[in-house]
Amino acid sequence: GYDNALALKERDVPVLVLGGRKDRTLPVKLARDLARTLEKQGAGVDYVEFPQGVHSDFPGQSNFPEVINAFFDRLD
């Protein structure tokens, strides 16, 4: 297995974690847990959950452009 939180542990970068409540490939619980673990590690985390999101369809969600733009705007 691959541990995303461990891979980011020593990095000082903002992280955007996206979760989809209808994702059956990677249940939303995994995204929630990742966001919590990263926060505990001191990472700057933005967590966004898409109620209708399924695996790999986040760009199709109606608020996806706003979510992505808001995250990247904060990086400037």
PDB file of N, CA and C in Angstrom:
ATOM      1  N   GLY A   1       0.807  -1.182   0.000  1.00  0.00           N
ATOM      2  CA  GLY A   1       0.000   0.000   0.000  1.00  0.00           C
ATOM      3  C   GLY A   1       0.860   1.260   0.000  1.00  0.00           C
ATOM      4  N   TYR A   2       0.258   2.332  -0.351  1.00  0.00           N
ATOM      5  CA  TYR A   2       0.921   3.624  -0.393  1.00  0.00           C
ATOM      6  C   TYR A   2       0.304   4.519   0.664  1.00  0.00           C
ATOM      7  N   ASP A   3       1.128   5.176   1.453  1.00  0.00           N
ATOM      8  CA  ASP A   3       0.661   6.035   2.524  1.00  0.00           C
ATOM      9  C   ASP A   3       0.838   7.496   2.111  1.00  0.00           C
ATOM     10  N   ASN A   4      -0.239   8.111   1.655  1.00  0.00           N
ATOM     11  CA  ASN A   4      -0.178   9.502   1.203  1.00  0.00           C
ATOM     12  C   ASN A   4       0.254  10.454   2.312  1.00  0.00           C
ATOM     13  N   ALA A   5      -0.265  10.252   3.506  1.00  0.00           N
ATOM     14  CA  ALA A   5       0.090  11.134   4.618  1.00  0.00           C
ATOM     15  C   ALA A   5       1.578  11.032   4.935  1.00  0.00           C
ATOM     16  N   LEU A   6       2.109   9.837   4.931  1.00  0.00           N
ATOM     17  CA  LEU A   6       3.528   9.649   5.194  1.00  0.00           C
ATOM     18  C   LEU A   6       4.370  10.304   4.101  1.00  0.00           C
ATOM     19  N   ALA A   7       3.943  10.173   2.858  1.00  0.00           N
ATOM     20  CA  ALA A   7       4.682  10.767   1.747  1.00  0.00           C
ATOM     21  C   ALA A   7       4.731  12.289   1.842  1.00  0.00           C
ATOM     22  N   LEU A   8       3.732  12.884   2.467  1.00  0.00           N
ATOM     23  CA  LEU A   8       3.670  14.344   2.586  1.00  0.00           C
ATOM     24  C   LEU A   8       4.140  14.859   3.947  1.00  0.00           C
ATOM     25  N   LYS A   9       4.520  13.958   4.824  1.00  0.00           N
ATOM     26  CA  LYS A   9       4.823  14.331   6.205  1.00  0.00           C
ATOM     27  C   LYS A   9       5.909  15.391   6.336  1.00  0.00           C
ATOM     28  N   GLU A  10       6.953  15.300   5.605  1.00  0.00           N
ATOM     29  CA  GLU A  10       8.072  16.233   5.734  1.00  0.00           C
ATOM     30  C   GLU A  10       8.001  17.381   4.731  1.00  0.00           C
ATOM     31  N   ARG A  11       6.903  17.498   4.035  1.00  0.00           N
ATOM     32  CA  ARG A  11       6.745  18.550   3.020  1.00  0.00           C
ATOM     33  C   ARG A  11       6.008  19.739   3.624  1.00  0.00           C
ATOM     34  N   ASP A  12       6.450  20.919   3.279  1.00  0.00           N
ATOM     35  CA  ASP A  12       5.778  22.136   3.726  1.00  0.00           C
ATOM     36  C   ASP A  12       5.029  22.726   2.539  1.00  0.00           C
ATOM     37  N   VAL A  13       3.937  22.064   2.174  1.00  0.00           N
ATOM     38  CA  VAL A  13       3.139  22.484   1.026  1.00  0.00           C
ATOM     39  C   VAL A  13       1.657  22.434   1.396  1.00  0.00           C
ATOM     40  N   PRO A  14       0.868  23.315   0.815  1.00  0.00           N
ATOM     41  CA  PRO A  14      -0.580  23.203   1.032  1.00  0.00           C
ATOM     42  C   PRO A  14      -1.111  21.981   0.292  1.00  0.00           C
ATOM     43  N   VAL A  15      -2.134  21.375   0.852  1.00  0.00           N
ATOM     44  CA  VAL A  15      -2.686  20.146   0.268  1.00  0.00           C
ATOM     45  C   VAL A  15      -4.192  20.305   0.106  1.00  0.00           C
ATOM     46  N   LEU A  16      -4.676  19.928  -1.057  1.00  0.00           N
ATOM     47  CA  LEU A  16      -6.108  19.889  -1.324  1.00  0.00           C
ATOM     48  C   LEU A  16      -6.522  18.426  -1.386  1.00  0.00           C
ATOM     49  N   VAL A  17      -7.421  18.035  -0.496  1.00  0.00           N
ATOM     50  CA  VAL A  17      -7.935  16.671  -0.467  1.00  0.00           C
ATOM     51  C   VAL A  17      -9.396  16.725  -0.912  1.00  0.00           C
ATOM     52  N   LEU A  18      -9.723  15.913  -1.900  1.00  0.00           N
ATOM     53  CA  LEU A  18     -11.083  15.863  -2.427  1.00  0.00           C
ATOM     54  C   LEU A  18     -11.704  14.509  -2.108  1.00  0.00           C
ATOM     55  N   GLY A  19     -12.943  14.539  -1.665  1.00  0.00           N
ATOM     56  CA  GLY A  19     -13.656  13.304  -1.361  1.00  0.00           C
ATOM     57  C   GLY A  19     -14.991  13.270  -2.073  1.00  0.00           C
ATOM     58  N   GLY A  20     -15.407  12.087  -2.464  1.00  0.00           N
ATOM     59  CA  GLY A  20     -16.709  11.907  -3.102  1.00  0.00           C
ATOM     60  C   GLY A  20     -17.559  10.953  -2.284  1.00  0.00           C
ATOM     61  N   ARG A  21     -18.709  11.428  -1.854  1.00  0.00           N
ATOM     62  CA  ARG A  21     -19.554  10.588  -1.002  1.00  0.00           C
ATOM     63  C   ARG A  21     -20.056   9.328  -1.685  1.00  0.00           C
ATOM     64  N   LYS A  22     -20.083   9.318  -3.004  1.00  0.00           N
ATOM     65  CA  LYS A  22     -20.583   8.143  -3.726  1.00  0.00           C
ATOM     66  C   LYS A  22     -19.456   7.326  -4.353  1.00  0.00           C
ATOM     67  N   ASP A  23     -18.236   7.607  -3.937  1.00  0.00           N
ATOM     68  CA  ASP A  23     -17.068   6.897  -4.468  1.00  0.00           C
ATOM     69  C   ASP A  23     -17.015   5.501  -3.862  1.00  0.00           C
ATOM     70  N   ARG A  24     -17.109   4.497  -4.710  1.00  0.00           N
ATOM     71  CA  ARG A  24     -17.040   3.115  -4.233  1.00  0.00           C
ATOM     72  C   ARG A  24     -15.650   2.528  -4.417  1.00  0.00           C
ATOM     73  N   THR A  25     -14.799   3.206  -5.197  1.00  0.00           N
ATOM     74  CA  THR A  25     -13.429   2.739  -5.393  1.00  0.00           C
ATOM     75  C   THR A  25     -12.585   3.087  -4.177  1.00  0.00           C
ATOM     76  N   LEU A  26     -12.645   4.352  -3.771  1.00  0.00           N
ATOM     77  CA  LEU A  26     -11.963   4.830  -2.564  1.00  0.00           C
ATOM     78  C   LEU A  26     -13.010   5.536  -1.708  1.00  0.00           C
ATOM     79  N   PRO A  27     -13.586   4.835  -0.750  1.00  0.00           N
ATOM     80  CA  PRO A  27     -14.652   5.413   0.059  1.00  0.00           C
ATOM     81  C   PRO A  27     -14.256   6.764   0.668  1.00  0.00           C
ATOM     82  N   VAL A  28     -15.242   7.643   0.776  1.00  0.00           N
ATOM     83  CA  VAL A  28     -15.005   8.997   1.264  1.00  0.00           C
ATOM     84  C   VAL A  28     -14.331   8.996   2.636  1.00  0.00           C
ATOM     85  N   LYS A  29     -14.520   7.965   3.409  1.00  0.00           N
ATOM     86  CA  LYS A  29     -13.873   7.874   4.718  1.00  0.00           C
ATOM     87  C   LYS A  29     -12.357   7.982   4.585  1.00  0.00           C
ATOM     88  N   LEU A  30     -11.802   7.434   3.515  1.00  0.00           N
ATOM     89  CA  LEU A  30     -10.354   7.504   3.309  1.00  0.00           C
ATOM     90  C   LEU A  30      -9.899   8.944   3.090  1.00  0.00           C
ATOM     91  N   ALA A  31     -10.665   9.710   2.334  1.00  0.00           N
ATOM     92  CA  ALA A  31     -10.320  11.121   2.109  1.00  0.00           C
ATOM     93  C   ALA A  31     -10.430  11.901   3.414  1.00  0.00           C
ATOM     94  N   ARG A  32     -11.474  11.645   4.174  1.00  0.00           N
ATOM     95  CA  ARG A  32     -11.644  12.324   5.475  1.00  0.00           C
ATOM     96  C   ARG A  32     -10.487  11.984   6.410  1.00  0.00           C
ATOM     97  N   ASP A  33     -10.135  10.708   6.465  1.00  0.00           N
ATOM     98  CA  ASP A  33      -9.033  10.281   7.328  1.00  0.00           C
ATOM     99  C   ASP A  33      -7.715  10.905   6.893  1.00  0.00           C
ATOM    100  N   LEU A  34      -7.480  10.972   5.586  1.00  0.00           N
ATOM    101  CA  LEU A  34      -6.253  11.581   5.082  1.00  0.00           C
ATOM    102  C   LEU A  34      -6.189  13.050   5.489  1.00  0.00           C
ATOM    103  N   ALA A  35      -7.259  13.771   5.310  1.00  0.00           N
ATOM    104  CA  ALA A  35      -7.274  15.191   5.685  1.00  0.00           C
ATOM    105  C   ALA A  35      -6.987  15.366   7.174  1.00  0.00           C
ATOM    106  N   ARG A  36      -7.618  14.555   8.007  1.00  0.00           N
ATOM    107  CA  ARG A  36      -7.386  14.641   9.462  1.00  0.00           C
ATOM    108  C   ARG A  36      -5.937  14.321   9.820  1.00  0.00           C
ATOM    109  N   THR A  37      -5.395  13.288   9.214  1.00  0.00           N
ATOM    110  CA  THR A  37      -4.011  12.898   9.502  1.00  0.00           C
ATOM    111  C   THR A  37      -3.046  13.988   9.069  1.00  0.00           C
ATOM    112  N   LEU A  38      -3.258  14.550   7.899  1.00  0.00           N
ATOM    113  CA  LEU A  38      -2.387  15.633   7.428  1.00  0.00           C
ATOM    114  C   LEU A  38      -2.465  16.837   8.351  1.00  0.00           C
ATOM    115  N   GLU A  39      -3.671  17.170   8.808  1.00  0.00           N
ATOM    116  CA  GLU A  39      -3.817  18.283   9.753  1.00  0.00           C
ATOM    117  C   GLU A  39      -3.047  18.007  11.038  1.00  0.00           C
ATOM    118  N   LYS A  40      -3.139  16.796  11.547  1.00  0.00           N
ATOM    119  CA  LYS A  40      -2.410  16.426  12.764  1.00  0.00           C
ATOM    120  C   LYS A  40      -0.901  16.526  12.564  1.00  0.00           C
ATOM    121  N   GLN A  41      -0.455  16.303  11.329  1.00  0.00           N
ATOM    122  CA  GLN A  41       0.970  16.407  11.007  1.00  0.00           C
ATOM    123  C   GLN A  41       1.393  17.859  10.823  1.00  0.00           C
ATOM    124  N   GLY A  42       0.435  18.775  10.856  1.00  0.00           N
ATOM    125  CA  GLY A  42       0.747  20.186  10.714  1.00  0.00           C
ATOM    126  C   GLY A  42       0.649  20.734   9.309  1.00  0.00           C
ATOM    127  N   ALA A  43       0.131  19.947   8.385  1.00  0.00           N
ATOM    128  CA  ALA A  43       0.002  20.408   7.002  1.00  0.00           C
ATOM    129  C   ALA A  43      -1.158  21.385   6.876  1.00  0.00           C
ATOM    130  N   GLY A  44      -1.032  22.299   5.936  1.00  0.00           N
ATOM    131  CA  GLY A  44      -2.146  23.172   5.592  1.00  0.00           C
ATOM    132  C   GLY A  44      -3.056  22.424   4.643  1.00  0.00           C
ATOM    133  N   VAL A  45      -4.223  22.038   5.128  1.00  0.00           N
ATOM    134  CA  VAL A  45      -5.110  21.171   4.360  1.00  0.00           C
ATOM    135  C   VAL A  45      -6.432  21.865   4.075  1.00  0.00           C
ATOM    136  N   ASP A  46      -6.845  21.789   2.828  1.00  0.00           N
ATOM    137  CA  ASP A  46      -8.207  22.143   2.443  1.00  0.00           C
ATOM    138  C   ASP A  46      -8.884  20.826   2.096  1.00  0.00           C
ATOM    139  N   TYR A  47     -10.015  20.572   2.718  1.00  0.00           N
ATOM    140  CA  TYR A  47     -10.774  19.358   2.415  1.00  0.00           C
ATOM    141  C   TYR A  47     -12.116  19.754   1.818  1.00  0.00           C
ATOM    142  N   VAL A  48     -12.429  19.189   0.677  1.00  0.00           N
ATOM    143  CA  VAL A  48     -13.701  19.444   0.015  1.00  0.00           C
ATOM    144  C   VAL A  48     -14.342  18.100  -0.308  1.00  0.00           C
ATOM    145  N   GLU A  49     -15.607  17.997   0.056  1.00  0.00           N
ATOM    146  CA  GLU A  49     -16.344  16.768  -0.194  1.00  0.00           C
ATOM    147  C   GLU A  49     -17.488  17.063  -1.162  1.00  0.00           C
ATOM    148  N   PHE A  50     -17.570  16.256  -2.192  1.00  0.00           N
ATOM    149  CA  PHE A  50     -18.613  16.404  -3.193  1.00  0.00           C
ATOM    150  C   PHE A  50     -19.725  15.396  -2.895  1.00  0.00           C
ATOM    151  N   PRO A  51     -20.930  15.863  -2.542  1.00  0.00           N
ATOM    152  CA  PRO A  51     -22.013  14.941  -2.188  1.00  0.00           C
ATOM    153  C   PRO A  51     -22.360  13.946  -3.291  1.00  0.00           C
ATOM    154  N   GLN A  52     -22.262  14.351  -4.531  1.00  0.00           N
ATOM    155  CA  GLN A  52     -22.604  13.468  -5.650  1.00  0.00           C
ATOM    156  C   GLN A  52     -21.359  12.872  -6.311  1.00  0.00           C
ATOM    157  N   GLY A  53     -20.188  13.116  -5.736  1.00  0.00           N
ATOM    158  CA  GLY A  53     -18.939  12.678  -6.344  1.00  0.00           C
ATOM    159  C   GLY A  53     -18.728  11.180  -6.296  1.00  0.00           C
ATOM    160  N   VAL A  54     -18.312  10.647  -7.444  1.00  0.00           N
ATOM    161  CA  VAL A  54     -17.870   9.260  -7.525  1.00  0.00           C
ATOM    162  C   VAL A  54     -16.416   9.291  -7.972  1.00  0.00           C
ATOM    163  N   HIS A  55     -15.786   8.163  -8.030  1.00  0.00           N
ATOM    164  CA  HIS A  55     -14.350   8.100  -8.310  1.00  0.00           C
ATOM    165  C   HIS A  55     -13.996   8.751  -9.650  1.00  0.00           C
ATOM    166  N   SER A  56     -13.103   9.699  -9.594  1.00  0.00           N
ATOM    167  CA  SER A  56     -12.545  10.372 -10.777  1.00  0.00           C
ATOM    168  C   SER A  56     -13.523  11.247 -11.551  1.00  0.00           C
ATOM    169  N   ASP A  57     -14.638  11.644 -10.955  1.00  0.00           N
ATOM    170  CA  ASP A  57     -15.542  12.536 -11.682  1.00  0.00           C
ATOM    171  C   ASP A  57     -15.611  13.932 -11.074  1.00  0.00           C
ATOM    172  N   PHE A  58     -14.690  14.268 -10.210  1.00  0.00           N
ATOM    173  CA  PHE A  58     -14.758  15.563  -9.533  1.00  0.00           C
ATOM    174  C   PHE A  58     -14.819  16.741 -10.504  1.00  0.00           C
ATOM    175  N   PRO A  59     -14.070  16.713 -11.618  1.00  0.00           N
ATOM    176  CA  PRO A  59     -14.174  17.844 -12.548  1.00  0.00           C
ATOM    177  C   PRO A  59     -15.590  18.043 -13.097  1.00  0.00           C
ATOM    178  N   GLY A  60     -16.411  17.038 -13.050  1.00  0.00           N
ATOM    179  CA  GLY A  60     -17.783  17.159 -13.518  1.00  0.00           C
ATOM    180  C   GLY A  60     -18.745  17.727 -12.492  1.00  0.00           C
ATOM    181  N   GLN A  61     -18.286  17.931 -11.281  1.00  0.00           N
ATOM    182  CA  GLN A  61     -19.139  18.483 -10.236  1.00  0.00           C
ATOM    183  C   GLN A  61     -19.325  19.982 -10.471  1.00  0.00           C
ATOM    184  N   SER A  62     -20.527  20.470 -10.210  1.00  0.00           N
ATOM    185  CA  SER A  62     -20.864  21.851 -10.559  1.00  0.00           C
ATOM    186  C   SER A  62     -19.972  22.886  -9.881  1.00  0.00           C
ATOM    187  N   ASN A  63     -19.514  22.625  -8.673  1.00  0.00           N
ATOM    188  CA  ASN A  63     -18.684  23.614  -7.962  1.00  0.00           C
ATOM    189  C   ASN A  63     -17.184  23.336  -8.070  1.00  0.00           C
ATOM    190  N   PHE A  64     -16.796  22.379  -8.889  1.00  0.00           N
ATOM    191  CA  PHE A  64     -15.378  22.039  -9.013  1.00  0.00           C
ATOM    192  C   PHE A  64     -14.518  23.232  -9.430  1.00  0.00           C
ATOM    193  N   PRO A  65     -14.901  24.003 -10.452  1.00  0.00           N
ATOM    194  CA  PRO A  65     -14.047  25.143 -10.827  1.00  0.00           C
ATOM    195  C   PRO A  65     -13.823  26.130  -9.676  1.00  0.00           C
ATOM    196  N   GLU A  66     -14.861  26.389  -8.903  1.00  0.00           N
ATOM    197  CA  GLU A  66     -14.727  27.306  -7.769  1.00  0.00           C
ATOM    198  C   GLU A  66     -13.790  26.745  -6.704  1.00  0.00           C
ATOM    199  N   VAL A  67     -13.902  25.444  -6.445  1.00  0.00           N
ATOM    200  CA  VAL A  67     -13.044  24.787  -5.447  1.00  0.00           C
ATOM    201  C   VAL A  67     -11.579  24.889  -5.865  1.00  0.00           C
ATOM    202  N   ILE A  68     -11.301  24.541  -7.097  1.00  0.00           N
ATOM    203  CA  ILE A  68      -9.920  24.560  -7.588  1.00  0.00           C
ATOM    204  C   ILE A  68      -9.383  25.981  -7.641  1.00  0.00           C
ATOM    205  N   ASN A  69     -10.176  26.899  -8.169  1.00  0.00           N
ATOM    206  CA  ASN A  69      -9.728  28.290  -8.253  1.00  0.00           C
ATOM    207  C   ASN A  69      -9.457  28.881  -6.878  1.00  0.00           C
ATOM    208  N   ALA A  70     -10.325  28.604  -5.917  1.00  0.00           N
ATOM    209  CA  ALA A  70     -10.127  29.128  -4.561  1.00  0.00           C
ATOM    210  C   ALA A  70      -8.829  28.595  -3.957  1.00  0.00           C
ATOM    211  N   PHE A  71      -8.561  27.313  -4.156  1.00  0.00           N
ATOM    212  CA  PHE A  71      -7.334  26.723  -3.606  1.00  0.00           C
ATOM    213  C   PHE A  71      -6.102  27.378  -4.220  1.00  0.00           C
ATOM    214  N   PHE A  72      -6.060  27.464  -5.540  1.00  0.00           N
ATOM    215  CA  PHE A  72      -4.885  28.019  -6.204  1.00  0.00           C
ATOM    216  C   PHE A  72      -4.762  29.537  -5.999  1.00  0.00           C
ATOM    217  N   ASP A  73      -5.869  30.220  -5.845  1.00  0.00           N
ATOM    218  CA  ASP A  73      -5.807  31.658  -5.568  1.00  0.00           C
ATOM    219  C   ASP A  73      -5.116  31.925  -4.236  1.00  0.00           C
ATOM    220  N   ARG A  74      -5.316  31.037  -3.268  1.00  0.00           N
ATOM    221  CA  ARG A  74      -4.678  31.212  -1.952  1.00  0.00           C
ATOM    222  C   ARG A  74      -3.166  30.965  -2.000  1.00  0.00           C
ATOM    223  N   LEU A  75      -2.693  30.322  -3.059  1.00  0.00           N
ATOM    224  CA  LEU A  75      -1.261  30.029  -3.174  1.00  0.00           C
ATOM    225  C   LEU A  75      -0.456  31.214  -3.657  1.00  0.00           C
ATOM    226  N   ASP A  76      -1.128  32.186  -4.227  1.00  0.00           N
ATOM    227  CA  ASP A  76      -0.400  33.360  -4.760  1.00  0.00           C
ATOM    228  C   ASP A  76       0.235  34.181  -3.664  1.00  0.00           C
TER     229      ASP A  76
END
